[in-house]
Amino acid sequence: MPKEKLASELNPNKRARNDSTILSGNLSKLNDLLDSISSDETSFKQAIALILNKDVFKNAIAGVLVPEVTALRREVITLKSKVDDMEQYTRRNCLKITGVPEEPNDNTDVLVMNVINNLVLKEKQEKITIKDISRSHRVGKSRPKNRPRDIIVKFVSYRDRALVYGNKRNLKAYNNNPTKKTDPIYINEALTQTRSELFRKTRELVKSRKLHSCWTFDGRIYAKLHGVHGRKIIISSVDDLDQFLDEEDDDPDKNQEQQFLASTPITDDK
């Protein structure tokens, strides 16, 4: 063995410098090669395919890109949530009335006042007038079998809206009346499309006895757990419902509180 090579083998620092020089030269050649094929789309794609075919390169690229993609996805979710919050806030003074019979060119303001003043508000309560309604209209496409479309009503003040929504339970007397000639009438909050779908999925869990009950208040979705204490939780996303999907159907009364208290926001106010 030549003396220089033997000295290099015996001196780790010198060997590391030699390896670094060789690596630097190889990287320089690789850079020149990439520059030469970057203008040819076909060659560039072939080079990418060759690189991705090697697990060591694929894992290295994934190690760089996956955290960035994950961070971007979280940012998108956060931005969508903020946009939905703002849209819901614009509906703060609105309510949705379902089941009011529909006629061509009907006056929804008059229909809204009739439902509220005759079926919702008690006799001694102040009635809603046309001055209290900002606007109202039917929503959605015409439904089959003469099913009426919903009415969205926007009140001038949140106070009037809260008064109506707080007394909507009085509709039960009308809806349970066997002599009524129309379908049941319901009043709900005017939720965004995203929250409406989330509330629909929450109601399905109530029907399947995974949750005790659910409701909305000021655009937020609440659910009540089974159990003696029946704690109330806020449902903000589908992720909050995933934890209930694997529950055993035949055991809805087990203590859900202890299982989900740490991961789900809790409120004591209905």
Protein backbone atom coordinates (compact mmCIF):
# COMPACT_ATOMS: atom_id res chain seq x y z
CA MET A 1 0.00 0.00 0.00
CA PRO A 2 1.43 3.46 -0.93
CA LYS A 3 2.56 5.60 1.98
CA GLU A 4 0.07 8.46 1.19
CA LYS A 5 -2.89 6.08 1.14
CA LEU A 6 -1.68 4.37 4.30
CA ALA A 7 -1.36 7.74 6.01
CA SER A 8 -4.84 8.67 4.87
CA GLU A 9 -6.28 5.45 6.26
CA LEU A 10 -4.52 5.98 9.58
CA ASN A 11 -5.59 9.66 9.82
CA PRO A 12 -9.42 9.90 10.17
CA ASN A 13 -9.45 13.70 9.80
CA LYS A 14 -7.63 13.53 6.50
CA ARG A 15 -9.91 10.70 5.36
CA ALA A 16 -13.00 12.80 6.21
CA ARG A 17 -11.58 15.73 4.22
CA ASN A 18 -11.02 13.49 1.23
CA ASP A 19 -14.56 12.09 1.46
CA SER A 20 -15.96 15.61 1.69
CA THR A 21 -14.02 16.65 -1.41
CA ILE A 22 -15.31 13.66 -3.36
CA LEU A 23 -18.92 14.32 -2.19
CA SER A 24 -18.66 17.98 -3.14
CA GLY A 25 -17.42 17.03 -6.58
CA ASN A 26 -20.25 14.53 -7.03
CA LEU A 27 -22.86 17.09 -5.94
CA SER A 28 -21.42 19.56 -8.40
CA LYS A 29 -21.73 16.99 -11.18
CA LEU A 30 -25.31 16.22 -10.09
CA ASN A 31 -26.15 19.92 -10.15
CA ASP A 32 -24.72 20.22 -13.69
CA LEU A 33 -26.74 17.17 -14.74
CA LEU A 34 -29.95 18.61 -13.31
CA ASP A 35 -29.32 21.90 -15.11
CA SER A 36 -28.83 20.03 -18.37
CA ILE A 37 -32.13 18.12 -18.14
CA SER A 38 -34.26 20.84 -16.57
CA SER A 39 -35.13 22.27 -19.98
CA ASP A 40 -36.35 18.89 -21.26
CA GLU A 41 -39.64 18.01 -19.59
CA THR A 42 -39.48 14.35 -20.58
CA SER A 43 -35.96 13.87 -19.26
CA PHE A 44 -36.83 15.81 -16.12
CA LYS A 45 -39.81 13.55 -15.40
CA GLN A 46 -37.69 10.47 -16.00
CA ALA A 47 -35.09 11.74 -13.56
CA ILE A 48 -37.76 12.41 -10.93
CA ALA A 49 -39.16 8.91 -11.44
CA LEU A 50 -35.71 7.39 -10.97
CA ILE A 51 -35.15 9.38 -7.79
CA LEU A 52 -38.55 8.45 -6.34
CA ASN A 53 -37.88 4.80 -7.18
CA LYS A 54 -35.14 4.79 -4.55
CA ASP A 55 -36.57 4.48 -1.05
CA VAL A 56 -33.70 6.39 0.52
CA PHE A 57 -34.39 9.43 -1.69
CA LYS A 58 -38.16 9.07 -1.38
CA ASN A 59 -37.98 9.02 2.41
CA ALA A 60 -35.64 12.00 2.46
CA ILE A 61 -37.99 14.05 0.26
CA ALA A 62 -40.98 12.99 2.33
CA GLY A 63 -39.17 14.04 5.48
CA VAL A 64 -38.93 17.56 4.06
CA LEU A 65 -42.34 17.88 2.38
CA VAL A 66 -44.69 16.06 4.75
CA PRO A 67 -44.26 18.49 7.68
CA GLU A 68 -44.79 21.45 5.34
CA VAL A 69 -47.89 19.91 3.77
CA THR A 70 -49.26 19.04 7.21
CA ALA A 71 -48.70 22.60 8.40
CA LEU A 72 -50.42 24.00 5.30
CA ARG A 73 -53.41 21.70 5.79
CA ARG A 74 -53.77 22.84 9.39
CA GLU A 75 -53.59 26.45 8.25
CA VAL A 76 -56.30 25.83 5.64
CA ILE A 77 -58.53 24.21 8.27
CA THR A 78 -57.99 27.16 10.61
CA LEU A 79 -58.79 29.68 7.85
CA LYS A 80 -61.94 27.77 6.84
CA SER A 81 -63.06 27.76 10.46
CA LYS A 82 -62.55 31.50 10.76
CA VAL A 83 -64.48 32.14 7.53
CA ASP A 84 -67.32 29.94 8.78
CA ASP A 85 -67.33 31.84 12.10
CA MET A 86 -67.65 35.14 10.23
CA GLU A 87 -70.42 33.81 8.00
CA GLN A 88 -72.31 32.49 11.01
CA TYR A 89 -71.98 35.86 12.71
CA THR A 90 -73.68 37.54 9.73
CA ARG A 91 -76.65 35.24 10.47
CA ARG A 92 -76.77 36.24 14.11
CA ASN A 93 -80.15 37.97 13.74
CA CYS A 94 -81.65 35.26 11.51
CA LEU A 95 -83.93 32.30 12.15
CA LYS A 96 -85.22 29.52 9.88
CA ILE A 97 -88.91 28.61 9.96
CA THR A 98 -89.88 25.21 8.55
CA GLY A 99 -93.33 23.88 7.68
CA VAL A 100 -95.22 27.10 6.87
CA PRO A 101 -97.62 26.37 3.96
CA GLU A 102 -96.47 27.92 0.69
CA GLU A 103 -98.52 29.69 -1.93
CA PRO A 104 -97.33 31.36 -5.16
CA ASN A 105 -96.02 34.88 -4.44
CA ASP A 106 -96.92 34.64 -0.76
CA ASN A 107 -95.89 37.45 1.60
CA THR A 108 -93.33 35.85 3.89
CA ASP A 109 -93.25 38.84 6.25
CA VAL A 110 -96.96 38.34 6.99
CA LEU A 111 -96.52 34.58 7.36
CA VAL A 112 -93.64 35.06 9.77
CA MET A 113 -95.61 37.49 11.93
CA ASN A 114 -98.61 35.14 11.98
CA VAL A 115 -96.52 32.20 13.16
CA ILE A 116 -94.59 34.17 15.76
CA ASN A 117 -97.44 36.23 17.21
CA ASN A 118 -100.10 33.49 17.18
CA LEU A 119 -98.09 30.33 17.92
CA VAL A 120 -94.80 31.32 19.55
CA LEU A 121 -95.21 34.38 21.74
CA LYS A 122 -97.52 34.25 24.74
CA GLU A 123 -100.51 36.55 25.04
CA LYS A 124 -98.86 38.99 27.42
CA GLN A 125 -95.65 39.25 25.43
CA GLU A 126 -94.98 42.12 23.07
CA LYS A 127 -95.76 41.15 19.49
CA ILE A 128 -93.48 41.31 16.47
CA THR A 129 -94.37 43.98 13.91
CA ILE A 130 -93.22 44.62 10.37
CA LYS A 131 -90.77 47.18 11.77
CA ASP A 132 -89.00 44.38 13.65
CA ILE A 133 -88.33 42.39 10.47
CA SER A 134 -85.42 43.40 8.27
CA ARG A 135 -86.37 40.94 5.50
CA SER A 136 -87.64 37.43 4.93
CA HIS A 137 -87.77 35.02 2.00
CA ARG A 138 -88.16 31.39 1.01
CA VAL A 139 -84.98 29.42 0.42
CA GLY A 140 -84.12 26.46 -1.79
CA LYS A 141 -85.76 24.86 -4.80
CA SER A 142 -89.41 23.88 -4.98
CA ARG A 143 -90.02 20.59 -3.18
CA PRO A 144 -92.13 17.64 -4.36
CA LYS A 145 -95.47 16.64 -2.88
CA ASN A 146 -96.32 20.27 -2.05
CA ARG A 147 -93.75 20.41 0.75
CA PRO A 148 -93.19 24.08 1.58
CA ARG A 149 -89.74 25.61 1.41
CA ASP A 150 -88.16 27.03 4.54
CA ILE A 151 -88.39 30.72 5.37
CA ILE A 152 -85.35 32.68 6.49
CA VAL A 153 -86.21 35.76 8.52
CA LYS A 154 -83.72 38.42 9.59
CA PHE A 155 -84.76 40.56 12.54
CA VAL A 156 -83.73 44.17 12.98
CA SER A 157 -82.42 43.45 16.47
CA TYR A 158 -80.84 40.41 18.09
CA ARG A 159 -83.11 40.97 21.09
CA ASP A 160 -86.26 40.20 19.05
CA ARG A 161 -84.58 37.21 17.48
CA ALA A 162 -83.61 35.89 20.92
CA LEU A 163 -87.16 36.45 22.19
CA VAL A 164 -88.62 34.33 19.40
CA TYR A 165 -86.02 31.59 19.61
CA GLY A 166 -86.34 31.42 23.39
CA ASN A 167 -90.08 30.77 23.10
CA LYS A 168 -90.07 28.34 20.20
CA ARG A 169 -91.04 25.53 22.60
CA ASN A 170 -94.56 26.99 22.53
CA LEU A 171 -94.90 25.49 19.03
CA LYS A 172 -95.29 22.07 20.66
CA ALA A 173 -98.89 22.89 21.58
CA TYR A 174 -99.69 23.55 17.93
CA ASN A 175 -97.66 20.67 16.53
CA ASN A 176 -99.24 18.17 18.94
CA ASN A 177 -102.77 19.36 18.17
CA PRO A 178 -104.50 16.54 16.23
CA THR A 179 -106.95 18.99 14.62
CA LYS A 180 -104.29 21.10 12.89
CA LYS A 181 -104.54 21.13 9.10
CA THR A 182 -100.89 21.79 8.27
CA ASP A 183 -97.58 20.06 8.81
CA PRO A 184 -95.66 20.72 12.03
CA ILE A 185 -93.87 24.06 12.18
CA TYR A 186 -90.35 24.36 13.54
CA ILE A 187 -88.03 27.27 14.27
CA ASN A 188 -84.28 26.76 14.16
CA GLU A 189 -81.17 28.85 13.86
CA ALA A 190 -80.00 29.75 10.36
CA LEU A 191 -76.75 27.81 10.32
CA THR A 192 -74.08 27.93 7.65
CA GLN A 193 -73.89 25.01 5.25
CA THR A 194 -70.89 23.61 7.11
CA ARG A 195 -72.62 23.78 10.50
CA SER A 196 -75.89 22.47 9.12
CA GLU A 197 -74.12 19.35 7.90
CA LEU A 198 -72.29 18.99 11.20
CA PHE A 199 -75.56 19.36 13.13
CA ARG A 200 -77.18 16.75 10.88
CA LYS A 201 -74.44 14.26 11.71
CA THR A 202 -74.79 15.09 15.40
CA ARG A 203 -78.54 14.40 15.27
CA GLU A 204 -77.82 11.04 13.64
CA LEU A 205 -75.70 10.11 16.64
CA VAL A 206 -78.59 11.08 18.91
CA LYS A 207 -80.95 8.88 16.88
CA SER A 208 -78.52 5.97 17.16
CA ARG A 209 -78.29 6.61 20.93
CA LYS A 210 -74.59 7.44 20.84
CA LEU A 211 -75.49 10.85 22.32
CA HIS A 212 -78.35 11.76 24.63
CA SER A 213 -79.46 14.96 22.85
CA CYS A 214 -78.20 17.93 20.83
CA TRP A 215 -79.18 21.52 20.05
CA THR A 216 -77.78 24.81 18.80
CA PHE A 217 -77.46 28.17 20.49
CA ASP A 218 -76.00 31.32 18.90
CA GLY A 219 -74.61 29.24 16.06
CA ARG A 220 -72.81 26.75 18.30
CA ILE A 221 -73.66 23.06 18.34
CA TYR A 222 -74.06 21.41 21.74
CA ALA A 223 -74.52 17.76 22.67
CA LYS A 224 -75.40 16.06 25.91
CA LEU A 225 -73.68 12.84 26.92
CA HIS A 226 -75.38 9.80 28.39
CA GLY A 227 -74.88 9.13 32.06
CA VAL A 228 -76.06 10.31 35.42
CA HIS A 229 -74.56 13.78 35.11
CA GLY A 230 -75.21 14.24 31.41
CA ARG A 231 -72.37 16.64 30.73
CA LYS A 232 -72.70 19.05 27.80
CA ILE A 233 -70.03 19.36 25.13
CA ILE A 234 -69.43 21.68 22.19
CA ILE A 235 -69.26 20.09 18.74
CA SER A 236 -66.93 22.22 16.60
CA SER A 237 -65.90 19.76 13.88
CA VAL A 238 -66.38 16.24 12.58
CA ASP A 239 -63.36 15.25 14.66
CA ASP A 240 -65.45 15.87 17.78
CA LEU A 241 -67.94 13.27 16.54
CA ASP A 242 -65.42 10.61 15.50
CA GLN A 243 -64.85 9.65 19.11
CA PHE A 244 -68.49 8.50 19.36
CA LEU A 245 -68.66 6.47 16.14
CA ASP A 246 -67.01 3.38 17.61
CA GLU A 247 -69.28 3.28 20.65
CA GLU A 248 -71.15 0.04 21.36
CA ASP A 249 -74.82 0.41 20.34
CA ASP A 250 -76.03 -1.74 23.24
CA ASP A 251 -74.29 0.27 25.94
CA PRO A 252 -75.13 3.98 25.50
CA ASP A 253 -75.26 4.73 29.22
CA LYS A 254 -71.64 4.02 30.08
CA ASN A 255 -69.71 6.88 31.58
CA GLN A 256 -68.75 8.91 28.51
CA GLU A 257 -67.70 11.87 30.60
CA GLN A 258 -64.54 10.28 31.91
CA GLN A 259 -63.59 9.06 28.45
CA PHE A 260 -64.04 12.31 26.55
CA LEU A 261 -63.69 15.09 29.13
CA ALA A 262 -60.02 15.63 28.40
CA SER A 263 -60.45 15.94 24.61
CA THR A 264 -63.74 17.83 24.27
CA PRO A 265 -64.63 21.42 25.27
CA ILE A 266 -67.14 21.44 28.10
CA THR A 267 -69.84 23.97 28.87
CA ASP A 268 -72.30 24.09 31.72
CA ASP A 269 -74.67 26.50 29.96
CA LYS A 270 -77.39 25.34 27.66
